[in-house]
Amino acid sequence: METLSRLKKLKKQTFTLAEARSVDVSPPMLTYLVRKGLIERRTQGLYAFPEAAPIDLPDTIKELLKVIPRAIVGHSTALYLYGLTDELPGDIELLVPDRNAPKRRQTGVRTYRVRADMKRIRVRSIEGIPVTTIEQTIIDLLRKGAPLSRLIETFRLAQRKRLKPSLTELTKIAADFRAKGRAKVLVEALL
């Protein structure tokens, strides 16, 4: 089939909708190929050939960031990337600017819309992936309702792994994100 050979010219096992369009393969044609089982739809805007090996979490996230630009990895997914949990997250959790949020729900992805300026969010890079800092992740989980005991354990584990989490930074982020009261209890428990 000519369409498949055009997709194979990309020389990639996984490819985005934009990459498919670059070789003149339309979205309806991609849908047809998925229905026929000739390609797989990994998530909205991300496709793969059936023989493609399952990709690991960092590679999956990098592919998703092509589809959802300016997204930042956060919450439980960030903890996993830091090595602060062995539990693989059920969904990849991303913080996205409100204006850049995907129109449809992505399979295997949970997005959190950020209405304010994304520059407020503290970020660092892990394997080229923008990830919320440990302190930002803890405050986000606190705001989401995570148990205090889990957050204390996460902070202590980060200290043992020499990731250098900062109580001062934790307090500043809590103030920026209107979580001072809840963060105060957390900081007191950590002291």
N, C-alpha and C. Protein backbone atom coordinates (compact mmCIF):
# COMPACT_ATOMS: atom_id res chain seq x y z
N MET A 1 0.84 -1.17 0.00
CA MET A 1 0.00 0.00 0.00
C MET A 1 0.89 1.24 0.00
N GLU A 2 0.61 2.15 -0.89
CA GLU A 2 1.42 3.35 -1.07
C GLU A 2 1.46 4.23 0.19
N THR A 3 0.34 4.35 0.87
CA THR A 3 0.28 5.18 2.07
C THR A 3 1.22 4.68 3.14
N LEU A 4 1.24 3.37 3.35
CA LEU A 4 2.16 2.80 4.35
C LEU A 4 3.61 3.05 3.98
N SER A 5 3.93 2.94 2.71
CA SER A 5 5.32 3.16 2.30
C SER A 5 5.71 4.62 2.53
N ARG A 6 4.76 5.55 2.37
CA ARG A 6 5.06 6.96 2.66
C ARG A 6 5.33 7.15 4.15
N LEU A 7 4.54 6.48 4.98
CA LEU A 7 4.77 6.58 6.43
C LEU A 7 6.11 5.95 6.82
N LYS A 8 6.46 4.86 6.17
CA LYS A 8 7.73 4.19 6.49
C LYS A 8 8.93 5.03 6.06
N LYS A 9 8.73 5.93 5.12
CA LYS A 9 9.81 6.83 4.71
C LYS A 9 10.21 7.78 5.85
N LEU A 10 9.33 7.93 6.84
CA LEU A 10 9.67 8.74 8.01
C LEU A 10 10.83 8.12 8.80
N LYS A 11 11.02 6.80 8.60
CA LYS A 11 12.06 6.03 9.29
C LYS A 11 11.94 6.16 10.81
N LYS A 12 10.70 6.06 11.28
CA LYS A 12 10.40 6.12 12.71
C LYS A 12 9.37 5.06 13.04
N GLN A 13 9.49 4.49 14.23
CA GLN A 13 8.49 3.52 14.67
C GLN A 13 7.23 4.22 15.17
N THR A 14 7.41 5.38 15.79
CA THR A 14 6.27 6.19 16.24
C THR A 14 6.34 7.52 15.51
N PHE A 15 5.18 8.11 15.25
CA PHE A 15 5.15 9.36 14.51
C PHE A 15 3.91 10.16 14.91
N THR A 16 4.00 11.45 14.73
CA THR A 16 2.90 12.34 15.08
C THR A 16 2.01 12.60 13.87
N LEU A 17 0.88 13.19 14.13
CA LEU A 17 -0.03 13.58 13.05
C LEU A 17 0.66 14.55 12.09
N ALA A 18 1.41 15.50 12.64
CA ALA A 18 2.12 16.48 11.80
C ALA A 18 3.14 15.78 10.90
N GLU A 19 3.83 14.78 11.43
CA GLU A 19 4.81 14.05 10.61
C GLU A 19 4.11 13.26 9.51
N ALA A 20 2.95 12.69 9.82
CA ALA A 20 2.18 11.96 8.80
C ALA A 20 1.74 12.93 7.70
N ARG A 21 1.28 14.10 8.11
CA ARG A 21 0.86 15.10 7.12
C ARG A 21 2.03 15.53 6.24
N SER A 22 3.24 15.55 6.81
CA SER A 22 4.41 15.98 6.04
C SER A 22 4.71 15.03 4.87
N VAL A 23 4.22 13.80 4.95
CA VAL A 23 4.37 12.85 3.82
C VAL A 23 3.02 12.61 3.13
N ASP A 24 2.13 13.60 3.25
CA ASP A 24 0.83 13.60 2.57
C ASP A 24 -0.10 12.46 2.99
N VAL A 25 -0.13 12.15 4.28
CA VAL A 25 -1.09 11.18 4.79
C VAL A 25 -2.07 11.96 5.66
N SER A 26 -3.33 11.94 5.28
CA SER A 26 -4.35 12.74 5.94
C SER A 26 -4.87 12.06 7.22
N PRO A 27 -5.49 12.84 8.11
CA PRO A 27 -6.09 12.24 9.31
C PRO A 27 -7.13 11.16 9.01
N PRO A 28 -8.01 11.34 8.01
CA PRO A 28 -8.95 10.25 7.70
C PRO A 28 -8.23 8.96 7.26
N MET A 29 -7.13 9.12 6.54
CA MET A 29 -6.37 7.95 6.11
C MET A 29 -5.73 7.26 7.32
N LEU A 30 -5.24 8.04 8.28
CA LEU A 30 -4.69 7.46 9.50
C LEU A 30 -5.76 6.67 10.25
N THR A 31 -6.97 7.23 10.33
CA THR A 31 -8.08 6.53 10.99
C THR A 31 -8.38 5.22 10.28
N TYR A 32 -8.38 5.25 8.96
CA TYR A 32 -8.60 4.04 8.17
C TYR A 32 -7.52 2.99 8.47
N LEU A 33 -6.26 3.42 8.51
CA LEU A 33 -5.15 2.49 8.77
C LEU A 33 -5.23 1.90 10.18
N VAL A 34 -5.70 2.70 11.13
CA VAL A 34 -5.88 2.21 12.51
C VAL A 34 -6.98 1.15 12.52
N ARG A 35 -8.10 1.42 11.88
CA ARG A 35 -9.21 0.45 11.84
C ARG A 35 -8.81 -0.86 11.19
N LYS A 36 -7.94 -0.79 10.18
CA LYS A 36 -7.47 -1.99 9.49
C LYS A 36 -6.36 -2.71 10.28
N GLY A 37 -5.88 -2.09 11.36
CA GLY A 37 -4.83 -2.70 12.17
C GLY A 37 -3.43 -2.56 11.58
N LEU A 38 -3.28 -1.67 10.62
CA LEU A 38 -1.98 -1.49 9.98
C LEU A 38 -1.07 -0.55 10.76
N ILE A 39 -1.68 0.34 11.55
CA ILE A 39 -0.95 1.19 12.50
C ILE A 39 -1.75 1.23 13.79
N GLU A 40 -1.12 1.68 14.86
CA GLU A 40 -1.80 1.82 16.16
C GLU A 40 -1.86 3.29 16.53
N ARG A 41 -2.91 3.65 17.20
CA ARG A 41 -3.01 5.00 17.73
C ARG A 41 -2.64 4.91 19.21
N ARG A 42 -1.49 5.46 19.57
CA ARG A 42 -1.02 5.38 20.96
C ARG A 42 -1.75 6.39 21.83
N THR A 43 -2.02 7.55 21.30
CA THR A 43 -2.81 8.58 21.96
C THR A 43 -3.20 9.58 20.89
N GLN A 44 -3.99 10.57 21.25
CA GLN A 44 -4.42 11.59 20.29
C GLN A 44 -3.21 12.22 19.61
N GLY A 45 -3.10 12.05 18.30
CA GLY A 45 -2.02 12.67 17.54
C GLY A 45 -0.70 11.92 17.53
N LEU A 46 -0.67 10.71 18.11
CA LEU A 46 0.56 9.92 18.17
C LEU A 46 0.25 8.50 17.69
N TYR A 47 0.99 8.06 16.68
CA TYR A 47 0.75 6.77 16.04
C TYR A 47 2.02 5.93 16.03
N ALA A 48 1.85 4.62 15.83
CA ALA A 48 3.00 3.72 15.74
C ALA A 48 2.65 2.54 14.85
N PHE A 49 3.70 1.92 14.30
CA PHE A 49 3.50 0.68 13.56
C PHE A 49 3.31 -0.44 14.57
N PRO A 50 2.47 -1.43 14.28
CA PRO A 50 2.20 -2.51 15.25
C PRO A 50 3.45 -3.23 15.74
N GLU A 51 4.46 -3.33 14.89
CA GLU A 51 5.66 -4.05 15.30
C GLU A 51 6.58 -3.19 16.17
N ALA A 52 6.21 -1.95 16.40
CA ALA A 52 7.03 -1.07 17.23
C ALA A 52 7.06 -1.60 18.65
N ALA A 53 8.24 -1.65 19.19
CA ALA A 53 8.39 -2.11 20.58
C ALA A 53 7.73 -1.11 21.51
N PRO A 54 7.20 -1.59 22.63
CA PRO A 54 6.65 -0.64 23.59
C PRO A 54 7.76 0.30 24.03
N ILE A 55 7.44 1.56 24.12
CA ILE A 55 8.46 2.52 24.51
C ILE A 55 8.36 2.82 25.99
N ASP A 56 9.49 3.13 26.59
CA ASP A 56 9.49 3.36 28.03
C ASP A 56 8.90 4.74 28.34
N LEU A 57 8.69 5.00 29.61
CA LEU A 57 7.98 6.21 30.02
C LEU A 57 8.65 7.49 29.52
N PRO A 58 9.96 7.69 29.71
CA PRO A 58 10.54 8.94 29.19
C PRO A 58 10.35 9.11 27.68
N ASP A 59 10.49 8.04 26.92
CA ASP A 59 10.29 8.14 25.47
C ASP A 59 8.83 8.47 25.15
N THR A 60 7.91 7.85 25.87
CA THR A 60 6.49 8.13 25.67
C THR A 60 6.20 9.60 25.95
N ILE A 61 6.78 10.11 27.04
CA ILE A 61 6.55 11.51 27.41
C ILE A 61 7.13 12.43 26.33
N LYS A 62 8.31 12.13 25.84
CA LYS A 62 8.92 12.96 24.79
C LYS A 62 8.04 12.99 23.54
N GLU A 63 7.45 11.85 23.20
CA GLU A 63 6.55 11.82 22.05
C GLU A 63 5.29 12.64 22.32
N LEU A 64 4.76 12.54 23.54
CA LEU A 64 3.57 13.33 23.91
C LEU A 64 3.85 14.82 23.85
N LEU A 65 5.06 15.21 24.25
CA LEU A 65 5.39 16.64 24.26
C LEU A 65 5.47 17.20 22.84
N LYS A 66 5.63 16.34 21.86
CA LYS A 66 5.55 16.79 20.47
C LYS A 66 4.10 17.14 20.11
N VAL A 67 3.18 16.41 20.70
CA VAL A 67 1.76 16.60 20.42
C VAL A 67 1.17 17.71 21.30
N ILE A 68 1.68 17.81 22.54
CA ILE A 68 1.19 18.82 23.48
C ILE A 68 2.37 19.71 23.87
N PRO A 69 2.72 20.66 23.03
CA PRO A 69 3.88 21.52 23.34
C PRO A 69 3.62 22.38 24.58
N ARG A 70 4.68 22.74 25.24
CA ARG A 70 4.68 23.58 26.44
C ARG A 70 4.09 22.88 27.67
N ALA A 71 3.84 21.58 27.59
CA ALA A 71 3.36 20.83 28.75
C ALA A 71 4.54 20.56 29.69
N ILE A 72 4.22 20.40 30.96
CA ILE A 72 5.23 20.11 31.99
C ILE A 72 4.76 18.87 32.74
N VAL A 73 5.66 17.93 32.93
CA VAL A 73 5.32 16.71 33.67
C VAL A 73 5.22 17.05 35.15
N GLY A 74 4.17 16.55 35.80
CA GLY A 74 3.97 16.84 37.22
C GLY A 74 3.36 15.67 37.96
N HIS A 75 3.01 15.93 39.21
CA HIS A 75 2.32 15.01 40.11
C HIS A 75 3.04 13.66 40.22
N SER A 76 2.31 12.56 40.16
CA SER A 76 2.90 11.23 40.36
C SER A 76 3.90 10.86 39.27
N THR A 77 3.69 11.35 38.06
CA THR A 77 4.63 11.06 36.97
C THR A 77 5.98 11.71 37.27
N ALA A 78 5.97 12.91 37.82
CA ALA A 78 7.22 13.57 38.20
C ALA A 78 7.93 12.77 39.28
N LEU A 79 7.18 12.29 40.27
CA LEU A 79 7.79 11.47 41.34
C LEU A 79 8.47 10.25 40.75
N TYR A 80 7.83 9.62 39.76
CA TYR A 80 8.40 8.44 39.13
C TYR A 80 9.71 8.79 38.41
N LEU A 81 9.71 9.91 37.69
CA LEU A 81 10.92 10.30 36.97
C LEU A 81 12.06 10.66 37.93
N TYR A 82 11.74 11.18 39.09
CA TYR A 82 12.76 11.47 40.11
C TYR A 82 13.24 10.20 40.82
N GLY A 83 12.54 9.11 40.61
CA GLY A 83 12.90 7.87 41.31
C GLY A 83 12.41 7.86 42.75
N LEU A 84 11.35 8.62 43.03
CA LEU A 84 10.81 8.72 44.38
C LEU A 84 9.62 7.79 44.59
N THR A 85 9.27 7.02 43.58
CA THR A 85 8.25 6.00 43.70
C THR A 85 8.54 4.91 42.67
N ASP A 86 8.24 3.68 43.03
CA ASP A 86 8.39 2.57 42.09
C ASP A 86 7.10 2.30 41.34
N GLU A 87 6.04 2.93 41.81
CA GLU A 87 4.72 2.72 41.23
C GLU A 87 4.58 3.50 39.93
N LEU A 88 4.48 2.78 38.83
CA LEU A 88 4.31 3.41 37.53
C LEU A 88 2.95 4.10 37.50
N PRO A 89 2.91 5.40 37.15
CA PRO A 89 1.62 6.10 37.16
C PRO A 89 0.66 5.51 36.14
N GLY A 90 -0.62 5.45 36.52
CA GLY A 90 -1.63 4.94 35.60
C GLY A 90 -1.76 5.82 34.37
N ASP A 91 -1.80 7.12 34.59
CA ASP A 91 -1.85 8.10 33.50
C ASP A 91 -0.63 8.99 33.61
N ILE A 92 -0.14 9.47 32.49
CA ILE A 92 0.94 10.46 32.49
C ILE A 92 0.27 11.78 32.85
N GLU A 93 0.77 12.43 33.89
CA GLU A 93 0.15 13.66 34.38
C GLU A 93 0.95 14.86 33.88
N LEU A 94 0.25 15.75 33.16
CA LEU A 94 0.88 16.91 32.56
C LEU A 94 0.16 18.19 32.98
N LEU A 95 0.95 19.22 33.25
CA LEU A 95 0.42 20.55 33.47
C LEU A 95 0.48 21.26 32.12
N VAL A 96 -0.63 21.84 31.69
CA VAL A 96 -0.67 22.49 30.38
C VAL A 96 -1.26 23.89 30.53
N PRO A 97 -0.76 24.84 29.72
CA PRO A 97 -1.37 26.17 29.76
C PRO A 97 -2.82 26.07 29.30
N ASP A 98 -3.67 26.83 29.91
CA ASP A 98 -5.10 26.78 29.61
C ASP A 98 -5.36 26.96 28.12
N ARG A 99 -4.62 27.86 27.48
CA ARG A 99 -4.83 28.12 26.05
C ARG A 99 -4.27 27.01 25.15
N ASN A 100 -3.44 26.14 25.72
CA ASN A 100 -2.78 25.10 24.93
C ASN A 100 -3.31 23.70 25.27
N ALA A 101 -4.37 23.64 26.05
CA ALA A 101 -4.90 22.34 26.47
C ALA A 101 -5.48 21.60 25.28
N PRO A 102 -5.24 20.29 25.21
CA PRO A 102 -5.81 19.50 24.11
C PRO A 102 -7.33 19.58 24.12
N LYS A 103 -7.91 19.60 22.95
CA LYS A 103 -9.37 19.69 22.83
C LYS A 103 -10.06 18.39 23.27
N ARG A 104 -9.40 17.27 22.99
CA ARG A 104 -9.95 15.96 23.36
C ARG A 104 -9.11 15.32 24.45
N ARG A 105 -9.73 14.44 25.19
CA ARG A 105 -9.01 13.70 26.22
C ARG A 105 -8.03 12.76 25.55
N GLN A 106 -6.80 12.77 26.02
CA GLN A 106 -5.76 11.89 25.50
C GLN A 106 -5.81 10.57 26.25
N THR A 107 -5.70 9.47 25.55
CA THR A 107 -5.67 8.16 26.19
C THR A 107 -4.39 8.03 26.99
N GLY A 108 -4.52 7.66 28.27
CA GLY A 108 -3.35 7.46 29.12
C GLY A 108 -2.71 8.74 29.60
N VAL A 109 -3.41 9.86 29.45
CA VAL A 109 -2.86 11.15 29.85
C VAL A 109 -3.89 11.90 30.67
N ARG A 110 -3.44 12.47 31.77
CA ARG A 110 -4.31 13.35 32.56
C ARG A 110 -3.68 14.74 32.53
N THR A 111 -4.45 15.71 32.07
CA THR A 111 -3.93 17.07 32.00
C THR A 111 -4.55 17.93 33.09
N TYR A 112 -3.73 18.83 33.61
CA TYR A 112 -4.16 19.81 34.60
C TYR A 112 -3.96 21.18 33.96
N ARG A 113 -5.05 21.88 33.74
CA ARG A 113 -4.97 23.20 33.11
C ARG A 113 -4.45 24.22 34.11
N VAL A 114 -3.49 25.01 33.66
CA VAL A 114 -2.94 26.09 34.47
C VAL A 114 -3.46 27.39 33.87
N ARG A 115 -4.31 28.06 34.63
CA ARG A 115 -4.92 29.29 34.13
C ARG A 115 -3.97 30.48 34.25
N ALA A 116 -3.11 30.44 35.23
CA ALA A 116 -2.17 31.55 35.45
C ALA A 116 -0.94 31.36 34.55
N ASP A 117 0.02 32.21 34.73
CA ASP A 117 1.25 32.17 33.96
C ASP A 117 2.05 30.91 34.28
N MET A 118 2.40 30.15 33.26
CA MET A 118 3.16 28.90 33.44
C MET A 118 4.57 29.18 33.99
N LYS A 119 5.05 30.41 33.86
CA LYS A 119 6.39 30.74 34.34
C LYS A 119 6.48 30.65 35.86
N ARG A 120 5.34 30.69 36.53
CA ARG A 120 5.32 30.55 38.01
C ARG A 120 5.73 29.16 38.45
N ILE A 121 5.51 28.18 37.60
CA ILE A 121 5.77 26.79 37.96
C ILE A 121 7.27 26.53 37.91
N ARG A 122 7.78 25.97 39.01
CA ARG A 122 9.21 25.67 39.09
C ARG A 122 9.48 24.37 38.34
N VAL A 123 10.43 24.43 37.41
CA VAL A 123 10.70 23.31 36.50
C VAL A 123 12.18 23.02 36.44
N ARG A 124 12.50 21.75 36.25
CA ARG A 124 13.87 21.35 35.91
C ARG A 124 13.75 20.29 34.81
N SER A 125 14.89 19.96 34.23
CA SER A 125 14.89 19.01 33.12
C SER A 125 15.44 17.66 33.57
N ILE A 126 14.73 16.60 33.22
CA ILE A 126 15.21 15.23 33.45
C ILE A 126 15.18 14.54 32.09
N GLU A 127 16.34 14.14 31.61
CA GLU A 127 16.46 13.49 30.30
C GLU A 127 15.83 14.34 29.19
N GLY A 128 15.94 15.66 29.31
CA GLY A 128 15.39 16.56 28.30
C GLY A 128 13.90 16.80 28.42
N ILE A 129 13.31 16.34 29.52
CA ILE A 129 11.86 16.48 29.74
C ILE A 129 11.63 17.53 30.82
N PRO A 130 10.77 18.54 30.56
CA PRO A 130 10.46 19.51 31.61
C PRO A 130 9.59 18.86 32.70
N VAL A 131 10.10 18.90 33.93
CA VAL A 131 9.44 18.26 35.06
C VAL A 131 9.37 19.26 36.20
N THR A 132 8.25 19.28 36.92
CA THR A 132 8.16 20.16 38.08
C THR A 132 9.23 19.78 39.10
N THR A 133 9.76 20.78 39.81
CA THR A 133 10.77 20.50 40.84
C THR A 133 10.13 19.64 41.93
N ILE A 134 10.97 19.07 42.76
CA ILE A 134 10.44 18.23 43.84
C ILE A 134 9.50 19.04 44.73
N GLU A 135 9.93 20.26 45.07
CA GLU A 135 9.09 21.10 45.93
C GLU A 135 7.75 21.44 45.27
N GLN A 136 7.80 21.79 43.98
CA GLN A 136 6.57 22.10 43.24
C GLN A 136 5.67 20.87 43.18
N THR A 137 6.27 19.71 42.96
CA THR A 137 5.51 18.47 42.88
C THR A 137 4.81 18.18 44.20
N ILE A 138 5.53 18.37 45.30
CA ILE A 138 4.94 18.12 46.63
C ILE A 138 3.77 19.07 46.88
N ILE A 139 3.94 20.35 46.54
CA ILE A 139 2.84 21.32 46.74
C ILE A 139 1.66 20.98 45.84
N ASP A 140 1.93 20.59 44.59
CA ASP A 140 0.83 20.20 43.69
C ASP A 140 0.07 19.01 44.24
N LEU A 141 0.81 18.02 44.76
CA LEU A 141 0.16 16.84 45.34
C LEU A 141 -0.61 17.21 46.61
N LEU A 142 -0.06 18.14 47.38
CA LEU A 142 -0.74 18.62 48.59
C LEU A 142 -2.07 19.28 48.20
N ARG A 143 -2.03 20.12 47.19
CA ARG A 143 -3.24 20.81 46.72
C ARG A 143 -4.26 19.82 46.15
N LYS A 144 -3.76 18.72 45.61
CA LYS A 144 -4.63 17.70 45.01
C LYS A 144 -5.25 16.81 46.09
N GLY A 145 -4.73 16.90 47.34
CA GLY A 145 -5.31 16.12 48.43
C GLY A 145 -4.55 14.87 48.81
N ALA A 146 -3.28 14.78 48.41
CA ALA A 146 -2.46 13.61 48.77
C ALA A 146 -2.29 13.55 50.29
N PRO A 147 -2.22 12.35 50.86
CA PRO A 147 -2.03 12.24 52.31
C PRO A 147 -0.72 12.88 52.76
N LEU A 148 -0.78 13.55 53.90
CA LEU A 148 0.39 14.22 54.46
C LEU A 148 1.53 13.23 54.68
N SER A 149 1.21 12.02 55.13
CA SER A 149 2.24 11.02 55.39
C SER A 149 3.01 10.67 54.11
N ARG A 150 2.31 10.61 53.00
CA ARG A 150 2.97 10.31 51.72
C ARG A 150 3.93 11.44 51.32
N LEU A 151 3.50 12.68 51.55
CA LEU A 151 4.33 13.83 51.18
C LEU A 151 5.56 13.93 52.07
N ILE A 152 5.40 13.62 53.35
CA ILE A 152 6.55 13.62 54.27
C ILE A 152 7.54 12.53 53.82
N GLU A 153 7.02 11.37 53.52
CA GLU A 153 7.86 10.26 53.07
C GLU A 153 8.59 10.63 51.77
N THR A 154 7.90 11.29 50.86
CA THR A 154 8.50 11.71 49.59
C THR A 154 9.64 12.70 49.83
N PHE A 155 9.42 13.68 50.70
CA PHE A 155 10.44 14.68 51.00
C PHE A 155 11.66 14.02 51.63
N ARG A 156 11.43 13.13 52.59
CA ARG A 156 12.54 12.44 53.27
C ARG A 156 13.32 11.55 52.29
N LEU A 157 12.62 10.86 51.41
CA LEU A 157 13.28 10.02 50.42
C LEU A 157 14.13 10.87 49.48
N ALA A 158 13.62 12.03 49.09
CA ALA A 158 14.39 12.94 48.23
C ALA A 158 15.67 13.38 48.94
N GLN A 159 15.57 13.61 50.25
CA GLN A 159 16.78 13.96 51.02
C GLN A 159 17.78 12.81 51.01
N ARG A 160 17.29 11.59 51.24
CA ARG A 160 18.18 10.43 51.27
C ARG A 160 18.84 10.19 49.90
N LYS A 161 18.12 10.52 48.84
CA LYS A 161 18.68 10.34 47.49
C LYS A 161 19.54 11.53 47.08
N ARG A 162 19.75 12.45 48.00
CA ARG A 162 20.58 13.65 47.78
C ARG A 162 20.05 14.53 46.63
N LEU A 163 18.73 14.64 46.55
CA LEU A 163 18.11 15.51 45.55
C LEU A 163 17.96 16.94 46.07
N LYS A 164 18.31 17.14 47.34
CA LYS A 164 18.35 18.45 47.99
C LYS A 164 17.05 19.24 47.93
N PRO A 165 15.95 18.65 48.41
CA PRO A 165 14.72 19.44 48.48
C PRO A 165 14.87 20.53 49.54
N SER A 166 14.24 21.65 49.33
CA SER A 166 14.39 22.80 50.22
C SER A 166 13.06 23.16 50.89
N LEU A 167 13.10 23.26 52.22
CA LEU A 167 11.90 23.70 52.94
C LEU A 167 11.58 25.15 52.62
N THR A 168 12.60 25.96 52.42
CA THR A 168 12.39 27.37 52.08
C THR A 168 11.66 27.48 50.75
N GLU A 169 12.13 26.74 49.75
CA GLU A 169 11.49 26.76 48.44
C GLU A 169 10.06 26.20 48.52
N LEU A 170 9.88 25.17 49.32
CA LEU A 170 8.56 24.58 49.52
C LEU A 170 7.59 25.63 50.05
N THR A 171 8.05 26.42 51.02
CA THR A 171 7.23 27.47 51.63
C THR A 171 6.91 28.57 50.62
N LYS A 172 7.90 28.96 49.80
CA LYS A 172 7.67 30.00 48.78
C LYS A 172 6.64 29.54 47.76
N ILE A 173 6.77 28.31 47.30
CA ILE A 173 5.83 27.79 46.31
C ILE A 173 4.43 27.71 46.90
N ALA A 174 4.34 27.29 48.16
CA ALA A 174 3.04 27.21 48.82
C ALA A 174 2.37 28.59 48.85
N ALA A 175 3.16 29.63 49.12
CA ALA A 175 2.62 31.00 49.15
C ALA A 175 2.15 31.41 47.76
N ASP A 176 2.93 31.07 46.73
CA ASP A 176 2.57 31.43 45.35
C ASP A 176 1.29 30.72 44.88
N PHE A 177 1.04 29.54 45.42
CA PHE A 177 -0.09 28.75 44.95
C PHE A 177 -1.21 28.63 46.00
N ARG A 178 -1.26 29.57 46.90
CA ARG A 178 -2.32 29.66 47.91
C ARG A 178 -2.52 28.36 48.69
N ALA A 179 -1.41 27.82 49.15
CA ALA A 179 -1.48 26.59 49.94
C ALA A 179 -0.68 26.75 51.24
N LYS A 180 -0.56 27.99 51.72
CA LYS A 180 0.26 28.26 52.89
C LYS A 180 -0.20 27.50 54.13
N GLY A 181 -1.50 27.46 54.35
CA GLY A 181 -2.02 26.80 55.55
C GLY A 181 -1.69 25.31 55.57
N ARG A 182 -1.97 24.64 54.49
CA ARG A 182 -1.69 23.20 54.41
C ARG A 182 -0.19 22.94 54.40
N ALA A 183 0.57 23.81 53.74
CA ALA A 183 2.03 23.62 53.68
C ALA A 183 2.66 23.86 55.04
N LYS A 184 2.09 24.73 55.82
CA LYS A 184 2.63 25.01 57.15
C LYS A 184 2.61 23.73 58.00
N VAL A 185 1.52 22.99 57.93
CA VAL A 185 1.41 21.72 58.66
C VAL A 185 2.48 20.74 58.16
N LEU A 186 2.67 20.70 56.86
CA LEU A 186 3.67 19.80 56.26
C LEU A 186 5.08 20.19 56.72
N VAL A 187 5.41 21.48 56.64
CA VAL A 187 6.74 21.95 57.04
C VAL A 187 7.00 21.67 58.52
N GLU A 188 6.00 21.91 59.36
CA GLU A 188 6.15 21.62 60.79
C GLU A 188 6.40 20.14 61.04
N ALA A 189 5.76 19.30 60.28
CA ALA A 189 5.96 17.85 60.43
C ALA A 189 7.35 17.44 59.95
N LEU A 190 7.90 18.18 58.99
CA LEU A 190 9.23 17.86 58.48
C LEU A 190 10.36 18.35 59.37
N LEU A 191 10.06 19.32 60.22
CA LEU A 191 11.10 19.88 61.12
C LEU A 191 11.41 18.98 62.28
